[in-house]
Amino acid sequence: MAKYAYCFLFVLSVLAFTSCKFNPNLQGKGNEGIQGVWEEDSVDYQDQKLQYSKHKFRFTCDSVYVTIETFAKVNIYPDSCFNNGRWTEYAKGTYLTKEDTLIVSATFTKPNFKQKISGCYRIGQYLPAFVIRKNAADSLYLESVQQHLQLKLALKERTVCVQKPLN
């Protein structure tokens, strides 16, 4: 009886060790179709709006770097932050595409993409979701799920994912 118990434990051990594997210590590959630098050249009706933002996205593997340049005619911030109605915000994080949706999970940062914990404008998480309306060779149209605004992005530079270690 003990012989069968040892045999059973041995087979169970072999199955347990061969069925598990560690995840690779590399960043994900992301979506190959959107790898690169995408910029918004203009915003629909920007002359009629009191405030609008132009976006720039840099997708590298599963990482995203976002630059948001805002133009405002009305001051909603303290005077020291208003900067004559023009300021830039930055965010860094990861993204995921699922069918026709782009989900960004990022944090607002300083211009060097190091975490920002205080200062003017937004701090904390940047968590937009976009419906991908068009993904062509040189254009990417995104519609914000929260604000229902369309971002018309033009490809400025194509990049290829070179996965890096997560350390």
C-alpha atoms as a PDB file:
ATOM      1  CA  MET A   1       0.000   0.000   0.000  1.00  0.00           C
ATOM      2  CA  ALA A   2       2.834   2.384   0.874  1.00  0.00           C
ATOM      3  CA  LYS A   3       4.410   1.571  -2.492  1.00  0.00           C
ATOM      4  CA  TYR A   4       1.304   2.884  -4.315  1.00  0.00           C
ATOM      5  CA  ALA A   5       1.205   6.011  -2.128  1.00  0.00           C
ATOM      6  CA  TYR A   6       4.837   6.835  -2.987  1.00  0.00           C
ATOM      7  CA  CYS A   7       4.185   6.185  -6.672  1.00  0.00           C
ATOM      8  CA  PHE A   8       1.083   8.396  -6.559  1.00  0.00           C
ATOM      9  CA  LEU A   9       3.031  11.212  -4.839  1.00  0.00           C
ATOM     10  CA  PHE A  10       5.840  10.907  -7.376  1.00  0.00           C
ATOM     11  CA  VAL A  11       3.448  11.115 -10.368  1.00  0.00           C
ATOM     12  CA  LEU A  12       1.598  14.026  -8.738  1.00  0.00           C
ATOM     13  CA  SER A  13       4.897  15.864  -8.155  1.00  0.00           C
ATOM     14  CA  VAL A  14       6.031  15.366 -11.749  1.00  0.00           C
ATOM     15  CA  LEU A  15       2.692  16.638 -13.065  1.00  0.00           C
ATOM     16  CA  ALA A  16       2.779  19.668 -10.778  1.00  0.00           C
ATOM     17  CA  PHE A  17       6.305  20.701 -11.779  1.00  0.00           C
ATOM     18  CA  THR A  18       5.795  20.185 -15.512  1.00  0.00           C
ATOM     19  CA  SER A  19       2.408  21.890 -15.699  1.00  0.00           C
ATOM     20  CA  CYS A  20       3.578  25.230 -14.278  1.00  0.00           C
ATOM     21  CA  LYS A  21       5.867  27.711 -15.926  1.00  0.00           C
ATOM     22  CA  PHE A  22       6.931  31.194 -14.955  1.00  0.00           C
ATOM     23  CA  ASN A  23       5.802  34.176 -16.970  1.00  0.00           C
ATOM     24  CA  PRO A  24       8.619  35.735 -18.991  1.00  0.00           C
ATOM     25  CA  ASN A  25      10.284  38.707 -17.335  1.00  0.00           C
ATOM     26  CA  LEU A  26       9.658  40.857 -20.438  1.00  0.00           C
ATOM     27  CA  GLN A  27       7.174  43.589 -21.212  1.00  0.00           C
ATOM     28  CA  GLY A  28       4.250  42.666 -23.461  1.00  0.00           C
ATOM     29  CA  LYS A  29       4.284  43.154 -27.236  1.00  0.00           C
ATOM     30  CA  GLY A  30       1.213  45.401 -27.394  1.00  0.00           C
ATOM     31  CA  ASN A  31      -0.708  46.029 -30.623  1.00  0.00           C
ATOM     32  CA  GLU A  32       1.583  46.018 -33.665  1.00  0.00           C
ATOM     33  CA  GLY A  33      -0.876  48.122 -35.695  1.00  0.00           C
ATOM     34  CA  ILE A  34      -0.542  51.189 -33.469  1.00  0.00           C
ATOM     35  CA  GLN A  35       3.166  51.066 -32.621  1.00  0.00           C
ATOM     36  CA  GLY A  36       4.672  54.490 -33.209  1.00  0.00           C
ATOM     37  CA  VAL A  37       4.183  58.191 -32.561  1.00  0.00           C
ATOM     38  CA  TRP A  38       0.720  59.609 -33.319  1.00  0.00           C
ATOM     39  CA  GLU A  39      -0.156  63.313 -33.124  1.00  0.00           C
ATOM     40  CA  GLU A  40      -3.315  65.341 -33.357  1.00  0.00           C
ATOM     41  CA  ASP A  41      -2.637  68.215 -35.790  1.00  0.00           C
ATOM     42  CA  SER A  42      -5.878  70.082 -35.117  1.00  0.00           C
ATOM     43  CA  VAL A  43      -9.118  69.755 -33.172  1.00  0.00           C
ATOM     44  CA  ASP A  44     -12.558  70.117 -34.732  1.00  0.00           C
ATOM     45  CA  TYR A  45     -14.035  73.562 -33.993  1.00  0.00           C
ATOM     46  CA  GLN A  46     -11.015  74.590 -31.932  1.00  0.00           C
ATOM     47  CA  ASP A  47     -11.565  78.295 -32.674  1.00  0.00           C
ATOM     48  CA  GLN A  48     -15.093  78.143 -31.251  1.00  0.00           C
ATOM     49  CA  LYS A  49     -14.188  76.253 -28.054  1.00  0.00           C
ATOM     50  CA  LEU A  50     -13.271  77.903 -24.753  1.00  0.00           C
ATOM     51  CA  GLN A  51     -10.788  75.098 -24.089  1.00  0.00           C
ATOM     52  CA  TYR A  52      -9.421  72.227 -26.160  1.00  0.00           C
ATOM     53  CA  SER A  53      -6.534  69.787 -26.008  1.00  0.00           C
ATOM     54  CA  LYS A  54      -4.223  68.285 -28.619  1.00  0.00           C
ATOM     55  CA  HIS A  55      -2.885  64.797 -27.932  1.00  0.00           C
ATOM     56  CA  LYS A  56       0.317  63.009 -28.811  1.00  0.00           C
ATOM     57  CA  PHE A  57       0.656  59.262 -28.159  1.00  0.00           C
ATOM     58  CA  ARG A  58       3.848  57.218 -28.330  1.00  0.00           C
ATOM     59  CA  PHE A  59       3.133  53.477 -28.276  1.00  0.00           C
ATOM     60  CA  THR A  60       6.153  51.253 -27.637  1.00  0.00           C
ATOM     61  CA  CYS A  61       5.382  47.576 -27.058  1.00  0.00           C
ATOM     62  CA  ASP A  62       2.707  47.601 -24.321  1.00  0.00           C
ATOM     63  CA  SER A  63       3.729  51.042 -22.988  1.00  0.00           C
ATOM     64  CA  VAL A  64       2.191  54.394 -23.830  1.00  0.00           C
ATOM     65  CA  TYR A  65       3.515  57.924 -23.324  1.00  0.00           C
ATOM     66  CA  VAL A  66       0.914  60.690 -23.658  1.00  0.00           C
ATOM     67  CA  THR A  67       1.445  64.428 -24.095  1.00  0.00           C
ATOM     68  CA  ILE A  68      -1.641  66.627 -23.766  1.00  0.00           C
ATOM     69  CA  GLU A  69      -1.274  70.257 -24.835  1.00  0.00           C
ATOM     70  CA  THR A  70      -4.208  72.378 -23.639  1.00  0.00           C
ATOM     71  CA  PHE A  71      -5.311  75.780 -24.914  1.00  0.00           C
ATOM     72  CA  ALA A  72      -7.812  77.823 -22.873  1.00  0.00           C
ATOM     73  CA  LYS A  73      -9.498  81.191 -23.258  1.00  0.00           C
ATOM     74  CA  VAL A  74     -10.939  81.142 -19.737  1.00  0.00           C
ATOM     75  CA  ASN A  75      -8.881  80.759 -16.560  1.00  0.00           C
ATOM     76  CA  ILE A  76     -10.067  77.938 -14.281  1.00  0.00           C
ATOM     77  CA  TYR A  77      -6.746  77.536 -12.453  1.00  0.00           C
ATOM     78  CA  PRO A  78      -4.796  79.759 -10.056  1.00  0.00           C
ATOM     79  CA  ASP A  79      -3.065  82.562 -11.964  1.00  0.00           C
ATOM     80  CA  SER A  80       0.368  80.985 -11.418  1.00  0.00           C
ATOM     81  CA  CYS A  81      -0.814  77.864 -13.300  1.00  0.00           C
ATOM     82  CA  PHE A  82      -2.833  79.446 -16.115  1.00  0.00           C
ATOM     83  CA  ASN A  83       0.294  80.252 -18.152  1.00  0.00           C
ATOM     84  CA  ASN A  84      -1.527  82.589 -20.584  1.00  0.00           C
ATOM     85  CA  GLY A  85      -3.977  79.820 -21.450  1.00  0.00           C
ATOM     86  CA  ARG A  86      -1.483  77.214 -22.653  1.00  0.00           C
ATOM     87  CA  TRP A  87      -0.053  74.280 -20.721  1.00  0.00           C
ATOM     88  CA  THR A  88       1.129  70.730 -21.267  1.00  0.00           C
ATOM     89  CA  GLU A  89       0.445  67.593 -19.252  1.00  0.00           C
ATOM     90  CA  TYR A  90       2.205  64.247 -19.496  1.00  0.00           C
ATOM     91  CA  ALA A  91       1.214  60.664 -18.639  1.00  0.00           C
ATOM     92  CA  LYS A  92       2.985  57.316 -18.781  1.00  0.00           C
ATOM     93  CA  GLY A  93       1.585  53.820 -18.445  1.00  0.00           C
ATOM     94  CA  THR A  94       0.419  50.760 -20.307  1.00  0.00           C
ATOM     95  CA  TYR A  95      -2.344  50.129 -22.804  1.00  0.00           C
ATOM     96  CA  LEU A  96      -4.472  47.249 -23.956  1.00  0.00           C
ATOM     97  CA  THR A  97      -6.517  46.837 -27.126  1.00  0.00           C
ATOM     98  CA  LYS A  98      -9.564  44.604 -27.031  1.00  0.00           C
ATOM     99  CA  GLU A  99     -11.431  44.279 -30.313  1.00  0.00           C
ATOM    100  CA  ASP A 100     -12.274  47.923 -31.182  1.00  0.00           C
ATOM    101  CA  THR A 101     -11.350  49.458 -27.805  1.00  0.00           C
ATOM    102  CA  LEU A 102      -8.121  51.043 -26.575  1.00  0.00           C
ATOM    103  CA  ILE A 103      -7.780  51.122 -22.785  1.00  0.00           C
ATOM    104  CA  VAL A 104      -5.031  53.254 -21.234  1.00  0.00           C
ATOM    105  CA  SER A 105      -3.876  52.818 -17.650  1.00  0.00           C
ATOM    106  CA  ALA A 106      -1.418  55.604 -16.905  1.00  0.00           C
ATOM    107  CA  THR A 107      -0.238  58.095 -14.306  1.00  0.00           C
ATOM    108  CA  PHE A 108       0.262  61.828 -14.777  1.00  0.00           C
ATOM    109  CA  THR A 109       3.954  62.663 -14.797  1.00  0.00           C
ATOM    110  CA  LYS A 110       6.432  65.490 -15.063  1.00  0.00           C
ATOM    111  CA  PRO A 111       7.875  66.317 -18.542  1.00  0.00           C
ATOM    112  CA  ASN A 112      10.616  63.698 -17.987  1.00  0.00           C
ATOM    113  CA  PHE A 113       7.881  61.051 -17.437  1.00  0.00           C
ATOM    114  CA  LYS A 114       8.755  60.622 -13.739  1.00  0.00           C
ATOM    115  CA  GLN A 115       5.757  60.451 -11.403  1.00  0.00           C
ATOM    116  CA  LYS A 116       4.095  63.745 -10.511  1.00  0.00           C
ATOM    117  CA  ILE A 117       2.624  63.962  -7.008  1.00  0.00           C
ATOM    118  CA  SER A 118       1.829  67.683  -6.791  1.00  0.00           C
ATOM    119  CA  GLY A 119       1.695  70.860  -8.829  1.00  0.00           C
ATOM    120  CA  CYS A 120      -0.576  72.509 -11.332  1.00  0.00           C
ATOM    121  CA  TYR A 121      -3.225  70.680 -13.342  1.00  0.00           C
ATOM    122  CA  ARG A 122      -4.053  67.000 -12.954  1.00  0.00           C
ATOM    123  CA  ILE A 123      -2.223  64.490 -10.773  1.00  0.00           C
ATOM    124  CA  GLY A 124      -2.901  60.819 -10.137  1.00  0.00           C
ATOM    125  CA  GLN A 125      -4.251  58.370 -12.648  1.00  0.00           C
ATOM    126  CA  TYR A 126      -5.042  58.939 -16.315  1.00  0.00           C
ATOM    127  CA  LEU A 127      -7.512  56.209 -17.303  1.00  0.00           C
ATOM    128  CA  PRO A 128      -9.173  56.985 -20.631  1.00  0.00           C
ATOM    129  CA  ALA A 129     -10.865  54.445 -22.873  1.00  0.00           C
ATOM    130  CA  PHE A 130     -11.277  54.991 -26.593  1.00  0.00           C
ATOM    131  CA  VAL A 131     -13.224  53.297 -29.361  1.00  0.00           C
ATOM    132  CA  ILE A 132     -10.918  52.789 -32.351  1.00  0.00           C
ATOM    133  CA  ARG A 133     -12.959  54.233 -35.234  1.00  0.00           C
ATOM    134  CA  LYS A 134     -10.216  53.971 -37.868  1.00  0.00           C
ATOM    135  CA  ASN A 135      -6.761  52.406 -37.850  1.00  0.00           C
ATOM    136  CA  ALA A 136      -5.087  52.963 -41.214  1.00  0.00           C
ATOM    137  CA  ALA A 137      -1.413  53.042 -42.176  1.00  0.00           C
ATOM    138  CA  ASP A 138      -1.077  56.783 -41.525  1.00  0.00           C
ATOM    139  CA  SER A 139      -4.164  57.725 -39.462  1.00  0.00           C
ATOM    140  CA  LEU A 140      -5.736  56.623 -36.210  1.00  0.00           C
ATOM    141  CA  TYR A 141      -9.162  57.928 -35.189  1.00  0.00           C
ATOM    142  CA  LEU A 142     -10.114  57.437 -31.566  1.00  0.00           C
ATOM    143  CA  GLU A 143     -13.387  58.377 -29.880  1.00  0.00           C
ATOM    144  CA  SER A 144     -13.278  58.997 -26.151  1.00  0.00           C
ATOM    145  CA  VAL A 145     -15.772  56.801 -24.321  1.00  0.00           C
ATOM    146  CA  GLN A 146     -16.080  59.325 -21.459  1.00  0.00           C
ATOM    147  CA  GLN A 147     -16.218  62.609 -23.404  1.00  0.00           C
ATOM    148  CA  HIS A 148     -17.402  61.407 -26.839  1.00  0.00           C
ATOM    149  CA  LEU A 149     -14.746  63.581 -28.508  1.00  0.00           C
ATOM    150  CA  GLN A 150     -12.941  62.278 -31.557  1.00  0.00           C
ATOM    151  CA  LEU A 151      -9.142  62.391 -31.744  1.00  0.00           C
ATOM    152  CA  LYS A 152      -7.845  62.395 -35.321  1.00  0.00           C
ATOM    153  CA  LEU A 153      -4.228  61.304 -35.031  1.00  0.00           C
ATOM    154  CA  ALA A 154      -1.638  61.262 -37.805  1.00  0.00           C
ATOM    155  CA  LEU A 155       1.329  58.901 -37.809  1.00  0.00           C
ATOM    156  CA  LYS A 156       4.576  60.824 -37.314  1.00  0.00           C
ATOM    157  CA  GLU A 157       6.957  57.909 -36.802  1.00  0.00           C
ATOM    158  CA  ARG A 158       6.533  54.127 -37.039  1.00  0.00           C
ATOM    159  CA  THR A 159       8.314  52.048 -34.396  1.00  0.00           C
ATOM    160  CA  VAL A 160       8.919  48.351 -33.875  1.00  0.00           C
ATOM    161  CA  CYS A 161       8.524  46.738 -30.466  1.00  0.00           C
ATOM    162  CA  VAL A 162      11.782  45.606 -28.890  1.00  0.00           C
ATOM    163  CA  GLN A 163      10.743  43.959 -25.638  1.00  0.00           C
ATOM    164  CA  LYS A 164      12.732  44.998 -22.580  1.00  0.00           C
ATOM    165  CA  PRO A 165      13.117  43.302 -19.192  1.00  0.00           C
ATOM    166  CA  LEU A 166      10.630  44.401 -16.524  1.00  0.00           C
ATOM    167  CA  ASN A 167      13.328  45.118 -13.962  1.00  0.00           C
END
